[in-house]
Structures are given as C-alpha cells and as structure tokens.
C-alpha cells in the first residue's frame, strides 16, 4: 500500500496510517497507555480486561482514515501515533454495543464531558472538525519532539484535505471511510498531561476548557491521588485551520 508522506524530520517519517500498519499502531497505543493520566486516574489497569477493550475503541476511531504515524526513517519502526476520532453518532452506537468495562466507558464519558463544555461547530462556525483522540510516543523515541511534530502534521493534513492534496485512507477492507466527504476546518485535542499541554502552548492552540483531576472522584478516590501531583489538569485545545 502506498505510503503518503506528510513530513520528514530528524530521522523520522510522518506518514498517513494504512491498514497494514494498524496492528503496530495498536501495539504502540497499548504500551504507551500505561502512562495515560486519565486511564491511571480511572484505575483502568486494576480492572481486568479493560486495557484490552480499549483496543476495540482505537480500532473504531481510526476508521475516518486520517491518522498519522511516525516511522524511523532507517528501520521503518513505528515511533509514535496520534489517533483520530470519527463520526460521533456511529461511535456512540459502537460504544453502547461493544464496550462493557467500567473504566473504558468512564474514560470516554470523561472526554465527552470536557468536550461538551464548548460547541466547537458554533464557536468556529464550521461543519466538520478532526479530533486528536490519542497521542503516544514509544519510550525509546521520547524526548525528540515527536508528539509536537505529529500535532503539526495533523494540522498540515487538515489543510491538505482542504486543498485536495491528499485522500483519506480506508482502514477496513470493503468498508467505506467514516465521514469520507467531511473536510475538517478545526482540529481539537484533549490534553491530559503537562507534556501535551506544552505542545498546545507552543503551537498557539486556543485553550477552551480546563478541568482538574482533583475534582473527580472514582471508586472513592480522587483521580489526582492515583495520578500524583505532577499532572494536575486536562485542557481542551482547538486549532483553527
């Protein structure tokens, strides 16, 4: 399958995810999820089967065909991923039918609660947006600014879609691409750590919502007690294309 290169920098190729690399992307997701603050705060790793069920969610969110991956230019090894969210109604139906673990449901509800505080479509007067659902970098590639560049490439991808310079990729054989005709005018992200929040600041994202881990109690304990004192807040950030 043809690789669609978005950017090449510092020994890393940033390309559009294709279905032949999906399993590798899911392995990166699984390995980096252990550092995801919301998952930690929701006690996901103490709920048997929940981390594995998250894989079903990630398989669903990539169906819009606009996820970018970072590949080592020399080894072709995957270094990082930002996975994108697809069509809202279809995703809600998928969740209701397939997702049963408490922490997985609460993770999606937590994100929805943050995002629902602002009507993105009304605020920016747009009819389509793209969400960076998850951003993760393999541990051996951290400290190289890959998360920031993945975000920059996502913004570039949005503009390329607007200009007809690139096409979305079908992730499932014989299935149509979710919202294939939709062209995003805004990219949003829910940043859950100091590191991702700094990406939003460096790229001049518009910070729309802030919520604090200490304000949420899960299973009798504040999320902040599980996460620790280093990471205190979650931010909804938007980038107008």
C-alpha atoms as a PDB file:
ATOM      1  CA  UNK A   1       0.000   0.000   0.000  1.00  0.00           C
ATOM      2  CA  UNK A   2       1.356   3.397  -0.992  1.00  0.00           C
ATOM      3  CA  UNK A   3       2.754   5.492   1.853  1.00  0.00           C
ATOM      4  CA  UNK A   4       1.592   9.097   1.882  1.00  0.00           C
ATOM      5  CA  UNK A   5       4.414  11.172   3.361  1.00  0.00           C
ATOM      6  CA  UNK A   6       3.386  14.267   5.290  1.00  0.00           C
ATOM      7  CA  UNK A   7       6.799  15.329   6.606  1.00  0.00           C
ATOM      8  CA  UNK A   8      10.332  14.062   7.199  1.00  0.00           C
ATOM      9  CA  UNK A   9      12.471  15.462  10.018  1.00  0.00           C
ATOM     10  CA  UNK A  10      15.328  14.320  12.264  1.00  0.00           C
ATOM     11  CA  UNK A  11      15.288  10.747  11.018  1.00  0.00           C
ATOM     12  CA  UNK A  12      11.529  10.326  11.334  1.00  0.00           C
ATOM     13  CA  UNK A  13       8.984   9.954   8.530  1.00  0.00           C
ATOM     14  CA  UNK A  14       5.477  11.193   9.303  1.00  0.00           C
ATOM     15  CA  UNK A  15       3.008   9.311   7.120  1.00  0.00           C
ATOM     16  CA  UNK A  16      -0.685   8.530   6.903  1.00  0.00           C
ATOM     17  CA  UNK A  17      -1.621   5.340   8.760  1.00  0.00           C
ATOM     18  CA  UNK A  18      -2.644   2.469   6.476  1.00  0.00           C
ATOM     19  CA  UNK A  19      -4.360  -0.763   7.467  1.00  0.00           C
ATOM     20  CA  UNK A  20      -1.174  -2.819   7.028  1.00  0.00           C
ATOM     21  CA  UNK A  21       0.399  -0.829   9.920  1.00  0.00           C
ATOM     22  CA  UNK A  22      -2.674  -0.811  12.163  1.00  0.00           C
ATOM     23  CA  UNK A  23      -1.596  -3.668  14.440  1.00  0.00           C
ATOM     24  CA  UNK A  24       1.755  -1.987  15.036  1.00  0.00           C
ATOM     25  CA  UNK A  25      -0.012   1.274  15.852  1.00  0.00           C
ATOM     26  CA  UNK A  26      -2.194  -0.569  18.354  1.00  0.00           C
ATOM     27  CA  UNK A  27       0.903  -2.033  19.996  1.00  0.00           C
ATOM     28  CA  UNK A  28       2.254   1.495  20.457  1.00  0.00           C
ATOM     29  CA  UNK A  29      -1.098   2.519  21.913  1.00  0.00           C
ATOM     30  CA  UNK A  30      -1.123  -0.405  24.335  1.00  0.00           C
ATOM     31  CA  UNK A  31       2.435   0.194  25.534  1.00  0.00           C
ATOM     32  CA  UNK A  32       2.011   3.962  25.996  1.00  0.00           C
ATOM     33  CA  UNK A  33      -1.447   3.738  27.572  1.00  0.00           C
ATOM     34  CA  UNK A  34       0.202   2.820  30.873  1.00  0.00           C
ATOM     35  CA  UNK A  35       1.352   6.460  31.095  1.00  0.00           C
ATOM     36  CA  UNK A  36      -2.031   7.957  30.180  1.00  0.00           C
ATOM     37  CA  UNK A  37      -3.235  10.037  33.132  1.00  0.00           C
ATOM     38  CA  UNK A  38      -6.970   9.589  32.608  1.00  0.00           C
ATOM     39  CA  UNK A  39      -6.550   5.803  32.421  1.00  0.00           C
ATOM     40  CA  UNK A  40      -4.468   5.898  35.612  1.00  0.00           C
ATOM     41  CA  UNK A  41      -6.956   8.171  37.351  1.00  0.00           C
ATOM     42  CA  UNK A  42      -9.843   5.893  36.425  1.00  0.00           C
ATOM     43  CA  UNK A  43      -7.987   2.867  37.813  1.00  0.00           C
ATOM     44  CA  UNK A  44      -8.174   1.166  34.421  1.00  0.00           C
ATOM     45  CA  UNK A  45      -5.200  -1.088  34.988  1.00  0.00           C
ATOM     46  CA  UNK A  46      -6.825  -2.611  38.051  1.00  0.00           C
ATOM     47  CA  UNK A  47      -9.883  -3.649  36.012  1.00  0.00           C
ATOM     48  CA  UNK A  48      -9.210  -6.948  34.307  1.00  0.00           C
ATOM     49  CA  UNK A  49      -9.727  -6.790  30.555  1.00  0.00           C
ATOM     50  CA  UNK A  50     -10.189  -3.020  30.375  1.00  0.00           C
ATOM     51  CA  UNK A  51      -6.867  -2.133  28.699  1.00  0.00           C
ATOM     52  CA  UNK A  52      -7.536  -4.825  26.106  1.00  0.00           C
ATOM     53  CA  UNK A  53     -11.037  -3.482  25.482  1.00  0.00           C
ATOM     54  CA  UNK A  54      -9.544  -0.057  24.763  1.00  0.00           C
ATOM     55  CA  UNK A  55      -8.064  -1.656  21.653  1.00  0.00           C
ATOM     56  CA  UNK A  56     -11.597  -2.036  20.276  1.00  0.00           C
ATOM     57  CA  UNK A  57     -12.141   1.683  20.758  1.00  0.00           C
ATOM     58  CA  UNK A  58      -8.923   2.579  18.973  1.00  0.00           C
ATOM     59  CA  UNK A  59      -9.776   0.271  16.081  1.00  0.00           C
ATOM     60  CA  UNK A  60     -13.012   2.185  15.734  1.00  0.00           C
ATOM     61  CA  UNK A  61     -11.610   5.714  15.926  1.00  0.00           C
ATOM     62  CA  UNK A  62      -9.115   5.202  13.096  1.00  0.00           C
ATOM     63  CA  UNK A  63     -11.866   4.395  10.587  1.00  0.00           C
ATOM     64  CA  UNK A  64     -12.002   8.021   9.451  1.00  0.00           C
ATOM     65  CA  UNK A  65      -8.727   7.363   7.615  1.00  0.00           C
ATOM     66  CA  UNK A  66      -6.804  10.420   8.795  1.00  0.00           C
ATOM     67  CA  UNK A  67      -4.394   9.141  11.450  1.00  0.00           C
ATOM     68  CA  UNK A  68      -0.689   9.888  11.128  1.00  0.00           C
ATOM     69  CA  UNK A  69       2.157   7.704  12.377  1.00  0.00           C
ATOM     70  CA  UNK A  70       5.835   8.432  12.971  1.00  0.00           C
ATOM     71  CA  UNK A  71       8.291   5.944  11.467  1.00  0.00           C
ATOM     72  CA  UNK A  72      12.030   5.662  11.976  1.00  0.00           C
ATOM     73  CA  UNK A  73      13.483   6.591   8.571  1.00  0.00           C
ATOM     74  CA  UNK A  74      16.234   3.959   8.845  1.00  0.00           C
ATOM     75  CA  UNK A  75      14.458   0.983  10.428  1.00  0.00           C
ATOM     76  CA  UNK A  76      10.821   1.734   9.483  1.00  0.00           C
ATOM     77  CA  UNK A  77       9.987   1.084  13.155  1.00  0.00           C
ATOM     78  CA  UNK A  78       6.961   2.939  14.462  1.00  0.00           C
ATOM     79  CA  UNK A  79       7.841   5.697  16.930  1.00  0.00           C
ATOM     80  CA  UNK A  80       4.567   7.455  17.676  1.00  0.00           C
ATOM     81  CA  UNK A  81       0.880   7.828  16.906  1.00  0.00           C
ATOM     82  CA  UNK A  82      -1.908  10.363  17.134  1.00  0.00           C
ATOM     83  CA  UNK A  83      -5.180   8.509  16.562  1.00  0.00           C
ATOM     84  CA  UNK A  84      -8.220  10.461  15.349  1.00  0.00           C
ATOM     85  CA  UNK A  85     -11.865  10.201  16.310  1.00  0.00           C
ATOM     86  CA  UNK A  86     -14.561   9.587  13.722  1.00  0.00           C
ATOM     87  CA  UNK A  87     -18.282  10.244  13.376  1.00  0.00           C
ATOM     88  CA  UNK A  88     -19.956  10.913  16.728  1.00  0.00           C
ATOM     89  CA  UNK A  89     -23.304   9.125  16.357  1.00  0.00           C
ATOM     90  CA  UNK A  90     -21.745   5.974  14.910  1.00  0.00           C
ATOM     91  CA  UNK A  91     -19.144   5.974  17.683  1.00  0.00           C
ATOM     92  CA  UNK A  92     -21.810   6.268  20.383  1.00  0.00           C
ATOM     93  CA  UNK A  93     -23.656   3.318  18.855  1.00  0.00           C
ATOM     94  CA  UNK A  94     -20.417   1.332  18.757  1.00  0.00           C
ATOM     95  CA  UNK A  95     -19.734   2.115  22.421  1.00  0.00           C
ATOM     96  CA  UNK A  96     -23.197   1.041  23.503  1.00  0.00           C
ATOM     97  CA  UNK A  97     -22.969  -2.276  21.671  1.00  0.00           C
ATOM     98  CA  UNK A  98     -19.371  -3.257  22.332  1.00  0.00           C
ATOM     99  CA  UNK A  99     -17.817  -1.560  25.366  1.00  0.00           C
ATOM    100  CA  UNK A 100     -18.663  -3.063  28.760  1.00  0.00           C
ATOM    101  CA  UNK A 101     -15.779  -2.299  31.142  1.00  0.00           C
ATOM    102  CA  UNK A 102     -16.420   0.484  33.634  1.00  0.00           C
ATOM    103  CA  UNK A 103     -13.137   2.321  33.165  1.00  0.00           C
ATOM    104  CA  UNK A 104     -13.374   2.288  29.357  1.00  0.00           C
ATOM    105  CA  UNK A 105     -16.871   3.750  29.484  1.00  0.00           C
ATOM    106  CA  UNK A 106     -15.822   6.323  32.083  1.00  0.00           C
ATOM    107  CA  UNK A 107     -12.804   7.349  30.004  1.00  0.00           C
ATOM    108  CA  UNK A 108     -14.997   8.158  27.009  1.00  0.00           C
ATOM    109  CA  UNK A 109     -17.546   9.864  29.268  1.00  0.00           C
ATOM    110  CA  UNK A 110     -14.771  11.945  30.825  1.00  0.00           C
ATOM    111  CA  UNK A 111     -13.568  13.116  27.412  1.00  0.00           C
ATOM    112  CA  UNK A 112     -17.128  13.804  26.272  1.00  0.00           C
ATOM    113  CA  UNK A 113     -17.757  15.840  29.411  1.00  0.00           C
ATOM    114  CA  UNK A 114     -14.744  18.043  28.695  1.00  0.00           C
ATOM    115  CA  UNK A 115     -15.601  18.471  25.027  1.00  0.00           C
ATOM    116  CA  UNK A 116     -19.285  19.183  25.669  1.00  0.00           C
ATOM    117  CA  UNK A 117     -18.454  22.364  27.557  1.00  0.00           C
ATOM    118  CA  UNK A 118     -17.894  24.151  24.228  1.00  0.00           C
ATOM    119  CA  UNK A 119     -19.865  23.794  21.000  1.00  0.00           C
ATOM    120  CA  UNK A 120     -16.959  23.735  18.557  1.00  0.00           C
ATOM    121  CA  UNK A 121     -19.181  23.935  15.488  1.00  0.00           C
ATOM    122  CA  UNK A 122     -20.910  27.088  16.696  1.00  0.00           C
ATOM    123  CA  UNK A 123     -17.806  28.722  18.131  1.00  0.00           C
ATOM    124  CA  UNK A 124     -15.824  28.433  14.898  1.00  0.00           C
ATOM    125  CA  UNK A 125     -18.796  28.379  12.518  1.00  0.00           C
ATOM    126  CA  UNK A 126     -17.685  25.120  10.894  1.00  0.00           C
ATOM    127  CA  UNK A 127     -19.443  21.946   9.787  1.00  0.00           C
ATOM    128  CA  UNK A 128     -16.584  19.471  10.313  1.00  0.00           C
ATOM    129  CA  UNK A 129     -13.705  19.017  12.725  1.00  0.00           C
ATOM    130  CA  UNK A 130     -10.981  16.490  13.450  1.00  0.00           C
ATOM    131  CA  UNK A 131     -10.155  15.281  16.946  1.00  0.00           C
ATOM    132  CA  UNK A 132      -6.768  14.028  18.063  1.00  0.00           C
ATOM    133  CA  UNK A 133      -8.143  11.241  20.223  1.00  0.00           C
ATOM    134  CA  UNK A 134      -4.833   9.863  21.458  1.00  0.00           C
ATOM    135  CA  UNK A 135      -1.198  10.924  21.243  1.00  0.00           C
ATOM    136  CA  UNK A 136       1.536   8.477  22.192  1.00  0.00           C
ATOM    137  CA  UNK A 137       5.281   8.104  21.606  1.00  0.00           C
ATOM    138  CA  UNK A 138       7.249   4.897  22.106  1.00  0.00           C
ATOM    139  CA  UNK A 139       9.544   5.192  25.126  1.00  0.00           C
ATOM    140  CA  UNK A 140      12.749   4.750  23.092  1.00  0.00           C
ATOM    141  CA  UNK A 141      11.829   7.746  20.913  1.00  0.00           C
ATOM    142  CA  UNK A 142      10.726  10.170  23.620  1.00  0.00           C
ATOM    143  CA  UNK A 143      12.474  13.492  24.096  1.00  0.00           C
ATOM    144  CA  UNK A 144      12.763  14.125  20.344  1.00  0.00           C
ATOM    145  CA  UNK A 145       9.716  16.355  19.931  1.00  0.00           C
ATOM    146  CA  UNK A 146       7.775  13.700  18.034  1.00  0.00           C
ATOM    147  CA  UNK A 147       4.478  14.493  19.772  1.00  0.00           C
ATOM    148  CA  UNK A 148       4.724  18.139  18.736  1.00  0.00           C
ATOM    149  CA  UNK A 149       5.577  17.266  15.146  1.00  0.00           C
ATOM    150  CA  UNK A 150       2.752  14.708  14.984  1.00  0.00           C
ATOM    151  CA  UNK A 151       0.420  17.519  16.007  1.00  0.00           C
ATOM    152  CA  UNK A 152       1.889  19.872  13.410  1.00  0.00           C
ATOM    153  CA  UNK A 153       1.479  17.152  10.793  1.00  0.00           C
ATOM    154  CA  UNK A 154      -2.145  16.676  11.788  1.00  0.00           C
ATOM    155  CA  UNK A 155      -2.760  20.384  11.222  1.00  0.00           C
ATOM    156  CA  UNK A 156      -0.949  20.151   7.886  1.00  0.00           C
ATOM    157  CA  UNK A 157      -3.045  17.120   6.961  1.00  0.00           C
ATOM    158  CA  UNK A 158      -6.222  19.084   7.632  1.00  0.00           C
ATOM    159  CA  UNK A 159      -5.061  21.805   5.251  1.00  0.00           C
ATOM    160  CA  UNK A 160      -4.039  19.222   2.647  1.00  0.00           C
ATOM    161  CA  UNK A 161      -7.532  17.730   2.807  1.00  0.00           C
ATOM    162  CA  UNK A 162      -8.999  21.196   2.315  1.00  0.00           C
ATOM    163  CA  UNK A 163      -6.821  21.725  -0.762  1.00  0.00           C
ATOM    164  CA  UNK A 164      -7.463  18.271  -2.213  1.00  0.00           C
ATOM    165  CA  UNK A 165      -3.773  17.364  -1.930  1.00  0.00           C
ATOM    166  CA  UNK A 166      -4.341  14.079  -0.097  1.00  0.00           C
ATOM    167  CA  UNK A 167      -7.068  11.464   0.284  1.00  0.00           C
ATOM    168  CA  UNK A 168      -8.310   9.659   3.368  1.00  0.00           C
ATOM    169  CA  UNK A 169      -7.313   6.004   3.713  1.00  0.00           C
ATOM    170  CA  UNK A 170      -9.727   3.086   4.052  1.00  0.00           C
ATOM    171  CA  UNK A 171      -8.744   1.168   7.196  1.00  0.00           C
ATOM    172  CA  UNK A 172     -11.150  -1.764   6.750  1.00  0.00           C
ATOM    173  CA  UNK A 173     -11.422  -3.792   3.554  1.00  0.00           C
ATOM    174  CA  UNK A 174     -14.763  -3.331   1.775  1.00  0.00           C
ATOM    175  CA  UNK A 175     -15.885  -0.705   4.298  1.00  0.00           C
ATOM    176  CA  UNK A 176     -16.475   2.925   3.423  1.00  0.00           C
ATOM    177  CA  UNK A 177     -14.378   5.562   5.162  1.00  0.00           C
ATOM    178  CA  UNK A 178     -16.216   7.199   8.050  1.00  0.00           C
ATOM    179  CA  UNK A 179     -17.239  10.725   7.017  1.00  0.00           C
ATOM    180  CA  UNK A 180     -15.214  10.406   3.822  1.00  0.00           C
ATOM    181  CA  UNK A 181     -16.568  13.645   2.344  1.00  0.00           C
ATOM    182  CA  UNK A 182     -16.158  15.717   5.529  1.00  0.00           C
ATOM    183  CA  UNK A 183     -13.306  18.225   5.342  1.00  0.00           C
ATOM    184  CA  UNK A 184     -12.218  19.457   8.799  1.00  0.00           C
ATOM    185  CA  UNK A 185     -11.894  23.175   9.454  1.00  0.00           C
ATOM    186  CA  UNK A 186     -10.788  22.785  13.086  1.00  0.00           C
ATOM    187  CA  UNK A 187      -8.628  20.272  14.953  1.00  0.00           C
ATOM    188  CA  UNK A 188      -9.282  19.671  18.654  1.00  0.00           C
ATOM    189  CA  UNK A 189      -7.405  17.742  21.316  1.00  0.00           C
ATOM    190  CA  UNK A 190      -7.991  16.930  24.964  1.00  0.00           C
ATOM    191  CA  UNK A 191      -4.538  17.191  26.519  1.00  0.00           C
ATOM    192  CA  UNK A 192      -4.108  15.207  29.719  1.00  0.00           C
ATOM    193  CA  UNK A 193      -0.513  15.837  30.801  1.00  0.00           C
ATOM    194  CA  UNK A 194       1.942  18.683  31.229  1.00  0.00           C
ATOM    195  CA  UNK A 195       3.804  17.421  28.164  1.00  0.00           C
ATOM    196  CA  UNK A 196       0.846  17.522  25.792  1.00  0.00           C
ATOM    197  CA  UNK A 197      -0.389  20.808  27.265  1.00  0.00           C
ATOM    198  CA  UNK A 198       3.007  22.325  26.413  1.00  0.00           C
ATOM    199  CA  UNK A 199       2.500  21.207  22.818  1.00  0.00           C
ATOM    200  CA  UNK A 200      -0.731  23.195  22.730  1.00  0.00           C
ATOM    201  CA  UNK A 201       1.033  26.235  24.144  1.00  0.00           C
ATOM    202  CA  UNK A 202       3.959  26.027  21.715  1.00  0.00           C
ATOM    203  CA  UNK A 203       1.645  25.685  18.714  1.00  0.00           C
ATOM    204  CA  UNK A 204      -0.577  28.571  19.847  1.00  0.00           C
ATOM    205  CA  UNK A 205      -3.667  26.436  20.264  1.00  0.00           C
ATOM    206  CA  UNK A 206      -6.731  28.082  21.752  1.00  0.00           C
ATOM    207  CA  UNK A 207      -7.318  26.765  25.273  1.00  0.00           C
ATOM    208  CA  UNK A 208     -11.078  26.456  25.649  1.00  0.00           C
ATOM    209  CA  UNK A 209     -11.607  24.351  28.785  1.00  0.00           C
ATOM    210  CA  UNK A 210      -9.563  23.356  31.825  1.00  0.00           C
ATOM    211  CA  UNK A 211     -10.643  20.734  34.357  1.00  0.00           C
ATOM    212  CA  UNK A 212      -8.666  19.425  37.309  1.00  0.00           C
ATOM    213  CA  UNK A 213      -8.071  15.826  38.338  1.00  0.00           C
ATOM    214  CA  UNK A 214      -8.650  16.634  41.992  1.00  0.00           C
ATOM    215  CA  UNK A 215     -12.291  17.452  41.214  1.00  0.00           C
ATOM    216  CA  UNK A 216     -13.168  13.920  40.062  1.00  0.00           C
ATOM    217  CA  UNK A 217     -13.704  11.012  42.444  1.00  0.00           C
ATOM    218  CA  UNK A 218     -13.578   7.461  41.062  1.00  0.00           C
ATOM    219  CA  UNK A 219     -14.152   4.415  43.271  1.00  0.00           C
ATOM    220  CA  UNK A 220     -13.875   6.538  46.401  1.00  0.00           C
ATOM    221  CA  UNK A 221     -10.580   8.180  45.472  1.00  0.00           C
ATOM    222  CA  UNK A 222      -9.740  11.418  43.695  1.00  0.00           C
ATOM    223  CA  UNK A 223      -8.173  10.914  40.287  1.00  0.00           C
ATOM    224  CA  UNK A 224      -5.325  13.165  41.434  1.00  0.00           C
ATOM    225  CA  UNK A 225      -4.441  10.696  44.205  1.00  0.00           C
ATOM    226  CA  UNK A 226      -3.744   7.977  41.645  1.00  0.00           C
ATOM    227  CA  UNK A 227      -2.050  10.248  39.106  1.00  0.00           C
ATOM    228  CA  UNK A 228       0.180  12.133  41.541  1.00  0.00           C
ATOM    229  CA  UNK A 229       0.939  15.820  41.914  1.00  0.00           C
ATOM    230  CA  UNK A 230       2.940  16.374  38.721  1.00  0.00           C
ATOM    231  CA  UNK A 231      -0.006  16.437  36.316  1.00  0.00           C
ATOM    232  CA  UNK A 232      -2.924  18.472  37.614  1.00  0.00           C
ATOM    233  CA  UNK A 233      -5.260  19.328  34.742  1.00  0.00           C
ATOM    234  CA  UNK A 234      -6.855  18.426  31.454  1.00  0.00           C
ATOM    235  CA  UNK A 235      -7.204  21.020  28.696  1.00  0.00           C
ATOM    236  CA  UNK A 236      -9.425  21.148  25.629  1.00  0.00           C
ATOM    237  CA  UNK A 237      -7.423  22.868  22.901  1.00  0.00           C
ATOM    238  CA  UNK A 238      -8.510  23.880  19.405  1.00  0.00           C
ATOM    239  CA  UNK A 239      -6.527  24.756  16.296  1.00  0.00           C
ATOM    240  CA  UNK A 240      -8.349  26.654  13.561  1.00  0.00           C
ATOM    241  CA  UNK A 241      -7.104  25.542  10.157  1.00  0.00           C
END
